Amino acid sequence: MVEMTRTYEPDNSLRKGYPCLLREILEEFVKNRWLTYQLFRRDFLSIYKQSLIGLFWVVVLPIFSVSIFVALRYSGVLRVGDIDVPYAIFAVLGMAFWQLFSTGLVACSQSLVDAGPMILKINVSKKSIVIASMGKSIVVFLVQILLVCVLFLGYGVTPGLAIFLVPMLVLPLMLLTAGLGFIFSLLNGILRDIANMLSIFLTFFMFLTPVLYARPRVGLLATVTAFNPLYYLISVPRDLILRGATLEWLGFLSASCGCLVVFIICLVTFHLTETRVTERI
C-alpha cells in the first residue's frame, strides 16, 4: 500500500501568473462595485452633513485660492507669463485638474487608516475603500468644471470642443492618482506620518508645476517642467479646452502611457500585499 503525502503551502498568487492575477483583480472590482458606491456615498455625505453651506465649499475654496493669485498678478507682485486668455479661467481650470490629483491622492493615502475599525471587524475589499475615497475628488472636479463654464459665460469666451472630451483627457491623471493612492495607503498604514508629509510635498510640488502660471521658456524651472509628467497631464487638456490646440501631444501621450504602467504595477502590488494590511492598522 502506497502512503500518500499531502503538502500544504501558503497561498502564492504569483504562481497563478499575471494574466490570472489581473483577471482576479478585475472580477473583484466588478463584484464589489455596489460596495464601492456605498462607501463613496457614505464618505461624501458625511463631509457636508453638518456644514452650513454644504457643497458650496467646493466652489468657495478654489475661488478664494485663485482670487489671491489674481490679485497678486494684477498688482505686479506675481508674473504668470504670457497668457492669452482671462487669467481667472486659466487658473481655475488648472486648479481643477491639480486638485483632482492632489486631493484624490491624499484621500486615498488616508483611506485605510480611516477605515481601520471596519477593516478589523469585517472582511471588506480594501481596493473598494481606496477607490471610494477618490470619488470625492472626482465630484469636486466636476463641480469646478461647471464653475469654469460659468466663467466662460461671464467673460464671453467660447471654449474649445475638447471640453466635451474632459472625461477621456482626465483618465490618465485619474489612473496615476489611483495607482499612487494604492501604494501610499499601504505606506500610511505602516507609518502614519505619510499622509501629512504627502500634503506638504504636494503643496510644494504645485508651485513647481505650471498650474497657476504659463510654462517658463528658459531656466531651471523650464528644465524641471520638461520632465514633469503632471505638467503634460494638466496643460494639454487645459490648452485644448481654452485654445482648441496644443503643442505637447508627445509629452501627453508619453505621460499617459507612464500613468497606465504605474497604475498596473501599483494595483498588482497592492493586491499581493493587502492581506497583511489588517495587522498593521
C-alpha atoms as a PDB file:
ATOM      1  CA  MET A   1       0.000   0.000   0.000  1.00  0.00           C
ATOM      2  CA  VAL A   2       1.418   3.364  -1.074  1.00  0.00           C
ATOM      3  CA  GLU A   3       1.072   6.081   1.529  1.00  0.00           C
ATOM      4  CA  MET A   4       0.090   9.443   0.057  1.00  0.00           C
ATOM      5  CA  THR A   5       1.737  12.553   1.417  1.00  0.00           C
ATOM      6  CA  ARG A   6      -0.085  15.884   1.156  1.00  0.00           C
ATOM      7  CA  THR A   7       1.916  19.072   1.387  1.00  0.00           C
ATOM      8  CA  TYR A   8       0.257  22.366   2.307  1.00  0.00           C
ATOM      9  CA  GLU A   9       1.839  25.563   1.067  1.00  0.00           C
ATOM     10  CA  PRO A  10       0.931  29.186   1.673  1.00  0.00           C
ATOM     11  CA  ASP A  11      -1.180  30.799  -0.999  1.00  0.00           C
ATOM     12  CA  ASN A  12       1.138  32.415  -3.527  1.00  0.00           C
ATOM     13  CA  SER A  13      -0.803  34.464  -6.050  1.00  0.00           C
ATOM     14  CA  LEU A  14       2.240  34.919  -8.261  1.00  0.00           C
ATOM     15  CA  ARG A  15       2.227  31.212  -9.115  1.00  0.00           C
ATOM     16  CA  LYS A  16      -1.076  31.718 -10.913  1.00  0.00           C
ATOM     17  CA  GLY A  17       0.588  34.018 -13.410  1.00  0.00           C
ATOM     18  CA  TYR A  18      -0.035  37.686 -14.074  1.00  0.00           C
ATOM     19  CA  PRO A  19      -2.950  37.180 -16.538  1.00  0.00           C
ATOM     20  CA  CYS A  20      -4.824  35.204 -13.885  1.00  0.00           C
ATOM     21  CA  LEU A  21      -3.871  37.795 -11.287  1.00  0.00           C
ATOM     22  CA  LEU A  22      -5.238  40.673 -13.364  1.00  0.00           C
ATOM     23  CA  ARG A  23      -8.423  38.714 -14.029  1.00  0.00           C
ATOM     24  CA  GLU A  24      -8.904  38.197 -10.286  1.00  0.00           C
ATOM     25  CA  ILE A  25      -8.477  41.913  -9.678  1.00  0.00           C
ATOM     26  CA  LEU A  26     -10.979  42.818 -12.401  1.00  0.00           C
ATOM     27  CA  GLU A  27     -13.501  40.313 -11.055  1.00  0.00           C
ATOM     28  CA  GLU A  28     -13.088  41.787  -7.587  1.00  0.00           C
ATOM     29  CA  PHE A  29     -13.782  45.289  -8.889  1.00  0.00           C
ATOM     30  CA  VAL A  30     -16.935  44.099 -10.649  1.00  0.00           C
ATOM     31  CA  LYS A  31     -18.090  42.054  -7.670  1.00  0.00           C
ATOM     32  CA  ASN A  32     -17.648  44.939  -5.216  1.00  0.00           C
ATOM     33  CA  ARG A  33     -18.934  47.814  -7.366  1.00  0.00           C
ATOM     34  CA  TRP A  34     -22.037  48.237  -5.157  1.00  0.00           C
ATOM     35  CA  LEU A  35     -19.859  48.307  -2.035  1.00  0.00           C
ATOM     36  CA  THR A  36     -17.576  50.900  -3.626  1.00  0.00           C
ATOM     37  CA  TYR A  37     -20.555  53.143  -4.398  1.00  0.00           C
ATOM     38  CA  GLN A  38     -21.978  52.824  -0.878  1.00  0.00           C
ATOM     39  CA  LEU A  39     -18.623  53.647   0.701  1.00  0.00           C
ATOM     40  CA  PHE A  40     -18.257  56.686  -1.551  1.00  0.00           C
ATOM     41  CA  ARG A  41     -21.811  57.828  -0.774  1.00  0.00           C
ATOM     42  CA  ARG A  42     -21.277  57.459   2.976  1.00  0.00           C
ATOM     43  CA  ASP A  43     -17.966  59.337   2.992  1.00  0.00           C
ATOM     44  CA  PHE A  44     -19.149  62.114   0.705  1.00  0.00           C
ATOM     45  CA  LEU A  45     -22.388  62.826   2.587  1.00  0.00           C
ATOM     46  CA  SER A  46     -20.642  62.749   5.959  1.00  0.00           C
ATOM     47  CA  ILE A  47     -18.318  65.593   4.911  1.00  0.00           C
ATOM     48  CA  TYR A  48     -21.117  68.092   4.199  1.00  0.00           C
ATOM     49  CA  LYS A  49     -23.768  66.688   6.540  1.00  0.00           C
ATOM     50  CA  GLN A  50     -23.282  69.279   9.306  1.00  0.00           C
ATOM     51  CA  SER A  51     -21.981  72.058   7.067  1.00  0.00           C
ATOM     52  CA  LEU A  52     -23.821  75.362   6.778  1.00  0.00           C
ATOM     53  CA  ILE A  53     -23.302  75.825   3.038  1.00  0.00           C
ATOM     54  CA  GLY A  54     -22.535  72.184   2.225  1.00  0.00           C
ATOM     55  CA  LEU A  55     -21.357  71.503  -1.302  1.00  0.00           C
ATOM     56  CA  PHE A  56     -20.784  75.210  -1.965  1.00  0.00           C
ATOM     57  CA  TRP A  57     -17.438  74.827  -0.172  1.00  0.00           C
ATOM     58  CA  VAL A  58     -16.303  73.025  -3.318  1.00  0.00           C
ATOM     59  CA  VAL A  59     -16.754  76.321  -5.206  1.00  0.00           C
ATOM     60  CA  VAL A  60     -15.784  78.754  -2.462  1.00  0.00           C
ATOM     61  CA  LEU A  61     -12.325  77.322  -1.696  1.00  0.00           C
ATOM     62  CA  PRO A  62     -10.923  77.327  -5.277  1.00  0.00           C
ATOM     63  CA  ILE A  63     -12.378  80.795  -5.909  1.00  0.00           C
ATOM     64  CA  PHE A  64     -10.680  82.086  -2.753  1.00  0.00           C
ATOM     65  CA  SER A  65      -7.357  80.476  -3.685  1.00  0.00           C
ATOM     66  CA  VAL A  66      -7.426  81.735  -7.265  1.00  0.00           C
ATOM     67  CA  SER A  67      -8.535  85.226  -6.164  1.00  0.00           C
ATOM     68  CA  ILE A  68      -5.300  85.598  -4.201  1.00  0.00           C
ATOM     69  CA  PHE A  69      -3.221  84.800  -7.290  1.00  0.00           C
ATOM     70  CA  VAL A  70      -5.382  87.078  -9.464  1.00  0.00           C
ATOM     71  CA  ALA A  71      -4.783  89.934  -7.019  1.00  0.00           C
ATOM     72  CA  LEU A  72      -1.047  89.227  -6.909  1.00  0.00           C
ATOM     73  CA  ARG A  73      -0.884  89.150 -10.692  1.00  0.00           C
ATOM     74  CA  TYR A  74      -2.678  92.441 -11.308  1.00  0.00           C
ATOM     75  CA  SER A  75      -0.724  94.133  -8.510  1.00  0.00           C
ATOM     76  CA  GLY A  76       2.501  93.219 -10.290  1.00  0.00           C
ATOM     77  CA  VAL A  77       3.824  91.038  -7.469  1.00  0.00           C
ATOM     78  CA  LEU A  78       3.380  87.783  -9.416  1.00  0.00           C
ATOM     79  CA  ARG A  79       4.456  87.222 -13.016  1.00  0.00           C
ATOM     80  CA  VAL A  80       2.484  84.398 -14.632  1.00  0.00           C
ATOM     81  CA  GLY A  81       3.932  84.647 -18.129  1.00  0.00           C
ATOM     82  CA  ASP A  82       2.221  85.157 -21.477  1.00  0.00           C
ATOM     83  CA  ILE A  83      -1.412  84.068 -21.140  1.00  0.00           C
ATOM     84  CA  ASP A  84      -3.778  84.953 -23.976  1.00  0.00           C
ATOM     85  CA  VAL A  85      -6.982  84.038 -22.103  1.00  0.00           C
ATOM     86  CA  PRO A  86      -8.597  85.536 -18.976  1.00  0.00           C
ATOM     87  CA  TYR A  87      -6.354  84.577 -16.077  1.00  0.00           C
ATOM     88  CA  ALA A  88      -9.271  83.580 -13.818  1.00  0.00           C
ATOM     89  CA  ILE A  89     -10.356  80.883 -16.294  1.00  0.00           C
ATOM     90  CA  PHE A  90      -6.768  79.747 -16.788  1.00  0.00           C
ATOM     91  CA  ALA A  91      -6.139  79.470 -13.036  1.00  0.00           C
ATOM     92  CA  VAL A  92      -9.455  77.841 -12.033  1.00  0.00           C
ATOM     93  CA  LEU A  93      -9.153  75.266 -14.797  1.00  0.00           C
ATOM     94  CA  GLY A  94      -5.578  74.459 -13.801  1.00  0.00           C
ATOM     95  CA  MET A  95      -6.559  74.162 -10.135  1.00  0.00           C
ATOM     96  CA  ALA A  96      -9.429  71.832 -11.033  1.00  0.00           C
ATOM     97  CA  PHE A  97      -7.057  69.358 -12.678  1.00  0.00           C
ATOM     98  CA  TRP A  98      -4.426  69.741  -9.954  1.00  0.00           C
ATOM     99  CA  GLN A  99      -6.877  69.225  -7.090  1.00  0.00           C
ATOM    100  CA  LEU A 100      -8.272  66.130  -8.775  1.00  0.00           C
ATOM    101  CA  PHE A 101      -4.774  64.697  -8.378  1.00  0.00           C
ATOM    102  CA  SER A 102      -3.709  66.167  -5.032  1.00  0.00           C
ATOM    103  CA  THR A 103      -6.917  65.791  -3.007  1.00  0.00           C
ATOM    104  CA  GLY A 104      -7.549  62.370  -4.512  1.00  0.00           C
ATOM    105  CA  LEU A 105      -4.051  61.170  -3.609  1.00  0.00           C
ATOM    106  CA  VAL A 106      -4.269  62.453  -0.030  1.00  0.00           C
ATOM    107  CA  ALA A 107      -7.737  60.914   0.432  1.00  0.00           C
ATOM    108  CA  CYS A 108      -6.551  57.547  -0.913  1.00  0.00           C
ATOM    109  CA  SER A 109      -3.488  57.569   1.336  1.00  0.00           C
ATOM    110  CA  GLN A 110      -5.670  58.142   4.408  1.00  0.00           C
ATOM    111  CA  SER A 111      -8.484  55.763   3.409  1.00  0.00           C
ATOM    112  CA  LEU A 112      -7.306  52.513   5.013  1.00  0.00           C
ATOM    113  CA  VAL A 113      -6.351  54.219   8.282  1.00  0.00           C
ATOM    114  CA  ASP A 114      -9.741  55.952   8.469  1.00  0.00           C
ATOM    115  CA  ALA A 115     -11.482  52.638   7.790  1.00  0.00           C
ATOM    116  CA  GLY A 116      -9.360  50.803  10.370  1.00  0.00           C
ATOM    117  CA  PRO A 117     -12.214  49.841  12.752  1.00  0.00           C
ATOM    118  CA  MET A 118     -14.259  48.449   9.866  1.00  0.00           C
ATOM    119  CA  ILE A 119     -11.304  46.512   8.421  1.00  0.00           C
ATOM    120  CA  LEU A 120     -10.632  44.894  11.804  1.00  0.00           C
ATOM    121  CA  LYS A 121     -14.223  43.695  12.150  1.00  0.00           C
ATOM    122  CA  ILE A 122     -15.293  42.915   8.579  1.00  0.00           C
ATOM    123  CA  ASN A 123     -13.572  41.141   5.711  1.00  0.00           C
ATOM    124  CA  VAL A 124     -14.144  44.006   3.290  1.00  0.00           C
ATOM    125  CA  SER A 125     -12.443  44.744  -0.022  1.00  0.00           C
ATOM    126  CA  LYS A 126      -9.561  47.117   0.644  1.00  0.00           C
ATOM    127  CA  LYS A 127      -9.493  48.146  -3.013  1.00  0.00           C
ATOM    128  CA  SER A 128     -13.089  49.363  -2.717  1.00  0.00           C
ATOM    129  CA  ILE A 129     -12.129  51.517   0.264  1.00  0.00           C
ATOM    130  CA  VAL A 130      -9.272  53.178  -1.628  1.00  0.00           C
ATOM    131  CA  ILE A 131     -11.255  53.712  -4.842  1.00  0.00           C
ATOM    132  CA  ALA A 132     -14.287  55.050  -2.953  1.00  0.00           C
ATOM    133  CA  SER A 133     -12.142  57.646  -1.196  1.00  0.00           C
ATOM    134  CA  MET A 134     -11.132  59.037  -4.575  1.00  0.00           C
ATOM    135  CA  GLY A 135     -14.774  59.606  -5.535  1.00  0.00           C
ATOM    136  CA  LYS A 136     -14.976  62.833  -3.544  1.00  0.00           C
ATOM    137  CA  SER A 137     -12.211  64.465  -5.587  1.00  0.00           C
ATOM    138  CA  ILE A 138     -13.996  63.462  -8.800  1.00  0.00           C
ATOM    139  CA  VAL A 139     -17.225  65.149  -7.677  1.00  0.00           C
ATOM    140  CA  VAL A 140     -15.266  68.240  -6.663  1.00  0.00           C
ATOM    141  CA  PHE A 141     -13.620  68.269 -10.085  1.00  0.00           C
ATOM    142  CA  LEU A 142     -16.985  68.090 -11.865  1.00  0.00           C
ATOM    143  CA  VAL A 143     -18.337  70.992  -9.807  1.00  0.00           C
ATOM    144  CA  GLN A 144     -15.253  73.060 -10.616  1.00  0.00           C
ATOM    145  CA  ILE A 145     -15.684  72.311 -14.323  1.00  0.00           C
ATOM    146  CA  LEU A 146     -19.208  73.745 -14.027  1.00  0.00           C
ATOM    147  CA  LEU A 147     -17.650  76.809 -12.396  1.00  0.00           C
ATOM    148  CA  VAL A 148     -15.295  77.116 -15.372  1.00  0.00           C
ATOM    149  CA  CYS A 149     -18.308  77.029 -17.717  1.00  0.00           C
ATOM    150  CA  VAL A 150     -19.856  79.883 -15.727  1.00  0.00           C
ATOM    151  CA  LEU A 151     -16.606  81.851 -16.088  1.00  0.00           C
ATOM    152  CA  PHE A 152     -16.643  81.230 -19.833  1.00  0.00           C
ATOM    153  CA  LEU A 153     -20.104  82.776 -19.988  1.00  0.00           C
ATOM    154  CA  GLY A 154     -19.089  85.662 -17.711  1.00  0.00           C
ATOM    155  CA  TYR A 155     -16.031  86.565 -19.797  1.00  0.00           C
ATOM    156  CA  GLY A 156     -17.773  85.890 -23.113  1.00  0.00           C
ATOM    157  CA  VAL A 157     -15.164  83.313 -24.123  1.00  0.00           C
ATOM    158  CA  THR A 158     -16.038  80.284 -26.257  1.00  0.00           C
ATOM    159  CA  PRO A 159     -14.328  77.082 -25.062  1.00  0.00           C
ATOM    160  CA  GLY A 160     -12.886  74.525 -27.444  1.00  0.00           C
ATOM    161  CA  LEU A 161     -14.879  71.431 -28.315  1.00  0.00           C
ATOM    162  CA  ALA A 162     -12.391  69.446 -26.220  1.00  0.00           C
ATOM    163  CA  ILE A 163     -14.408  70.416 -23.163  1.00  0.00           C
ATOM    164  CA  PHE A 164     -16.720  67.540 -24.104  1.00  0.00           C
ATOM    165  CA  LEU A 165     -13.708  65.186 -24.049  1.00  0.00           C
ATOM    166  CA  VAL A 166     -12.760  66.015 -20.465  1.00  0.00           C
ATOM    167  CA  PRO A 167     -13.622  62.513 -19.139  1.00  0.00           C
ATOM    168  CA  MET A 168     -11.219  60.984 -21.686  1.00  0.00           C
ATOM    169  CA  LEU A 169      -8.498  63.602 -21.258  1.00  0.00           C
ATOM    170  CA  VAL A 170      -8.526  63.310 -17.474  1.00  0.00           C
ATOM    171  CA  LEU A 171      -8.390  59.500 -17.420  1.00  0.00           C
ATOM    172  CA  PRO A 172      -4.547  59.266 -17.305  1.00  0.00           C
ATOM    173  CA  LEU A 173      -4.482  61.671 -14.356  1.00  0.00           C
ATOM    174  CA  MET A 174      -7.072  59.539 -12.540  1.00  0.00           C
ATOM    175  CA  LEU A 175      -5.069  56.364 -13.197  1.00  0.00           C
ATOM    176  CA  LEU A 176      -1.936  57.991 -11.779  1.00  0.00           C
ATOM    177  CA  THR A 177      -3.847  59.203  -8.719  1.00  0.00           C
ATOM    178  CA  ALA A 178      -5.422  55.802  -8.049  1.00  0.00           C
ATOM    179  CA  GLY A 179      -2.168  53.914  -8.627  1.00  0.00           C
ATOM    180  CA  LEU A 180      -0.117  56.070  -6.273  1.00  0.00           C
ATOM    181  CA  GLY A 181      -3.060  56.098  -3.866  1.00  0.00           C
ATOM    182  CA  PHE A 182      -2.899  52.310  -3.515  1.00  0.00           C
ATOM    183  CA  ILE A 183       0.773  52.433  -2.573  1.00  0.00           C
ATOM    184  CA  PHE A 184       0.550  55.413  -0.215  1.00  0.00           C
ATOM    185  CA  SER A 185      -2.455  53.891   1.557  1.00  0.00           C
ATOM    186  CA  LEU A 186      -0.269  50.893   2.426  1.00  0.00           C
ATOM    187  CA  LEU A 187       2.661  53.085   3.483  1.00  0.00           C
ATOM    188  CA  ASN A 188       0.403  55.258   5.615  1.00  0.00           C
ATOM    189  CA  GLY A 189      -0.847  52.138   7.381  1.00  0.00           C
ATOM    190  CA  ILE A 190       2.729  51.408   8.410  1.00  0.00           C
ATOM    191  CA  LEU A 191       3.887  54.988   9.073  1.00  0.00           C
ATOM    192  CA  ARG A 192       1.082  57.416   9.921  1.00  0.00           C
ATOM    193  CA  ASP A 193       3.164  60.469   9.053  1.00  0.00           C
ATOM    194  CA  ILE A 194       2.969  59.649   5.345  1.00  0.00           C
ATOM    195  CA  ALA A 195      -0.351  61.461   4.766  1.00  0.00           C
ATOM    196  CA  ASN A 196       0.892  64.668   6.456  1.00  0.00           C
ATOM    197  CA  MET A 197       4.209  64.589   4.607  1.00  0.00           C
ATOM    198  CA  LEU A 198       2.354  63.976   1.353  1.00  0.00           C
ATOM    199  CA  SER A 199       0.161  67.048   1.862  1.00  0.00           C
ATOM    200  CA  ILE A 200       3.216  69.238   2.451  1.00  0.00           C
ATOM    201  CA  PHE A 201       5.035  67.793  -0.556  1.00  0.00           C
ATOM    202  CA  LEU A 202       2.050  68.297  -2.873  1.00  0.00           C
ATOM    203  CA  THR A 203       1.724  71.936  -1.827  1.00  0.00           C
ATOM    204  CA  PHE A 204       5.390  72.491  -2.647  1.00  0.00           C
ATOM    205  CA  PHE A 205       5.165  70.467  -5.871  1.00  0.00           C
ATOM    206  CA  MET A 206       2.201  72.524  -7.093  1.00  0.00           C
ATOM    207  CA  PHE A 207       4.428  75.590  -7.367  1.00  0.00           C
ATOM    208  CA  LEU A 208       6.938  73.594  -9.419  1.00  0.00           C
ATOM    209  CA  THR A 209       4.163  72.618 -11.838  1.00  0.00           C
ATOM    210  CA  PRO A 210       2.748  75.286 -14.187  1.00  0.00           C
ATOM    211  CA  VAL A 211      -0.747  75.184 -12.730  1.00  0.00           C
ATOM    212  CA  LEU A 212      -1.215  78.890 -11.985  1.00  0.00           C
ATOM    213  CA  TYR A 213       1.341  80.261 -14.435  1.00  0.00           C
ATOM    214  CA  ALA A 214       2.485  79.638 -18.002  1.00  0.00           C
ATOM    215  CA  ARG A 215       5.393  77.293 -18.666  1.00  0.00           C
ATOM    216  CA  PRO A 216       8.746  79.116 -18.430  1.00  0.00           C
ATOM    217  CA  ARG A 217      10.780  79.118 -21.633  1.00  0.00           C
ATOM    218  CA  VAL A 218      14.261  79.201 -20.103  1.00  0.00           C
ATOM    219  CA  GLY A 219      15.896  78.499 -16.786  1.00  0.00           C
ATOM    220  CA  LEU A 220      15.980  75.690 -14.250  1.00  0.00           C
ATOM    221  CA  LEU A 221      12.204  75.627 -13.820  1.00  0.00           C
ATOM    222  CA  ALA A 222      11.757  75.166 -17.563  1.00  0.00           C
ATOM    223  CA  THR A 223      14.069  72.131 -17.449  1.00  0.00           C
ATOM    224  CA  VAL A 224      12.227  70.653 -14.459  1.00  0.00           C
ATOM    225  CA  THR A 225       8.881  71.210 -16.182  1.00  0.00           C
ATOM    226  CA  ALA A 226      10.021  69.352 -19.281  1.00  0.00           C
ATOM    227  CA  PHE A 227      10.427  66.176 -17.177  1.00  0.00           C
ATOM    228  CA  ASN A 228       7.330  66.719 -15.039  1.00  0.00           C
ATOM    229  CA  PRO A 229       4.535  64.380 -16.249  1.00  0.00           C
ATOM    230  CA  LEU A 230       1.909  66.339 -14.327  1.00  0.00           C
ATOM    231  CA  TYR A 231       2.638  69.361 -16.488  1.00  0.00           C
ATOM    232  CA  TYR A 232       1.545  67.493 -19.609  1.00  0.00           C
ATOM    233  CA  LEU A 233      -1.441  65.861 -17.885  1.00  0.00           C
ATOM    234  CA  ILE A 234      -2.713  69.297 -16.827  1.00  0.00           C
ATOM    235  CA  SER A 235      -1.586  71.676 -19.575  1.00  0.00           C
ATOM    236  CA  VAL A 236      -2.692  69.617 -22.579  1.00  0.00           C
ATOM    237  CA  PRO A 237      -6.359  69.270 -21.508  1.00  0.00           C
ATOM    238  CA  ARG A 238      -6.358  72.932 -20.466  1.00  0.00           C
ATOM    239  CA  ASP A 239      -4.861  74.088 -23.779  1.00  0.00           C
ATOM    240  CA  LEU A 240      -7.378  72.026 -25.737  1.00  0.00           C
ATOM    241  CA  ILE A 241     -10.268  73.490 -23.766  1.00  0.00           C
ATOM    242  CA  LEU A 242      -9.017  77.090 -23.895  1.00  0.00           C
ATOM    243  CA  ARG A 243      -7.415  77.227 -27.340  1.00  0.00           C
ATOM    244  CA  GLY A 244      -8.562  74.091 -29.158  1.00  0.00           C
ATOM    245  CA  ALA A 245      -4.962  73.020 -29.869  1.00  0.00           C
ATOM    246  CA  THR A 246      -1.747  72.034 -28.100  1.00  0.00           C
ATOM    247  CA  LEU A 247       1.927  71.547 -28.931  1.00  0.00           C
ATOM    248  CA  GLU A 248       2.549  68.993 -26.186  1.00  0.00           C
ATOM    249  CA  TRP A 249       0.907  65.857 -27.638  1.00  0.00           C
ATOM    250  CA  LEU A 250       4.083  63.793 -27.455  1.00  0.00           C
ATOM    251  CA  GLY A 251       4.614  64.607 -23.789  1.00  0.00           C
ATOM    252  CA  PHE A 252       0.951  63.915 -23.012  1.00  0.00           C
ATOM    253  CA  LEU A 253       0.978  60.517 -24.726  1.00  0.00           C
ATOM    254  CA  SER A 254       4.253  59.555 -23.018  1.00  0.00           C
ATOM    255  CA  ALA A 255       2.909  60.627 -19.628  1.00  0.00           C
ATOM    256  CA  SER A 256      -0.356  58.758 -20.259  1.00  0.00           C
ATOM    257  CA  CYS A 257       1.477  55.516 -21.033  1.00  0.00           C
ATOM    258  CA  GLY A 258       3.551  56.010 -17.905  1.00  0.00           C
ATOM    259  CA  CYS A 259       0.374  56.502 -15.858  1.00  0.00           C
ATOM    260  CA  LEU A 260      -1.047  53.216 -17.136  1.00  0.00           C
ATOM    261  CA  VAL A 261       2.155  51.355 -16.246  1.00  0.00           C
ATOM    262  CA  VAL A 262       2.270  52.936 -12.771  1.00  0.00           C
ATOM    263  CA  PHE A 263      -1.385  52.071 -12.166  1.00  0.00           C
ATOM    264  CA  ILE A 264      -0.963  48.392 -13.108  1.00  0.00           C
ATOM    265  CA  ILE A 265       2.235  47.957 -11.072  1.00  0.00           C
ATOM    266  CA  CYS A 266       0.774  49.666  -8.004  1.00  0.00           C
ATOM    267  CA  LEU A 267      -2.526  47.777  -8.275  1.00  0.00           C
ATOM    268  CA  VAL A 268      -0.805  44.378  -8.517  1.00  0.00           C
ATOM    269  CA  THR A 269       1.496  45.296  -5.615  1.00  0.00           C
ATOM    270  CA  PHE A 270      -1.495  46.292  -3.510  1.00  0.00           C
ATOM    271  CA  HIS A 271      -3.321  43.067  -4.416  1.00  0.00           C
ATOM    272  CA  LEU A 272      -0.365  40.952  -3.329  1.00  0.00           C
ATOM    273  CA  THR A 273       0.112  42.747  -0.003  1.00  0.00           C
ATOM    274  CA  GLU A 274      -3.390  43.800   1.091  1.00  0.00           C
ATOM    275  CA  THR A 275      -3.890  40.610   3.143  1.00  0.00           C
ATOM    276  CA  ARG A 276      -1.212  41.929   5.538  1.00  0.00           C
ATOM    277  CA  VAL A 277      -2.796  45.346   5.902  1.00  0.00           C
ATOM    278  CA  THR A 278      -5.087  44.491   8.838  1.00  0.00           C
ATOM    279  CA  GLU A 279      -2.267  43.572  11.192  1.00  0.00           C
ATOM    280  CA  ARG A 280      -0.588  46.934  10.531  1.00  0.00           C
ATOM    281  CA  ILE A 281      -3.722  49.053  11.054  1.00  0.00           C
END
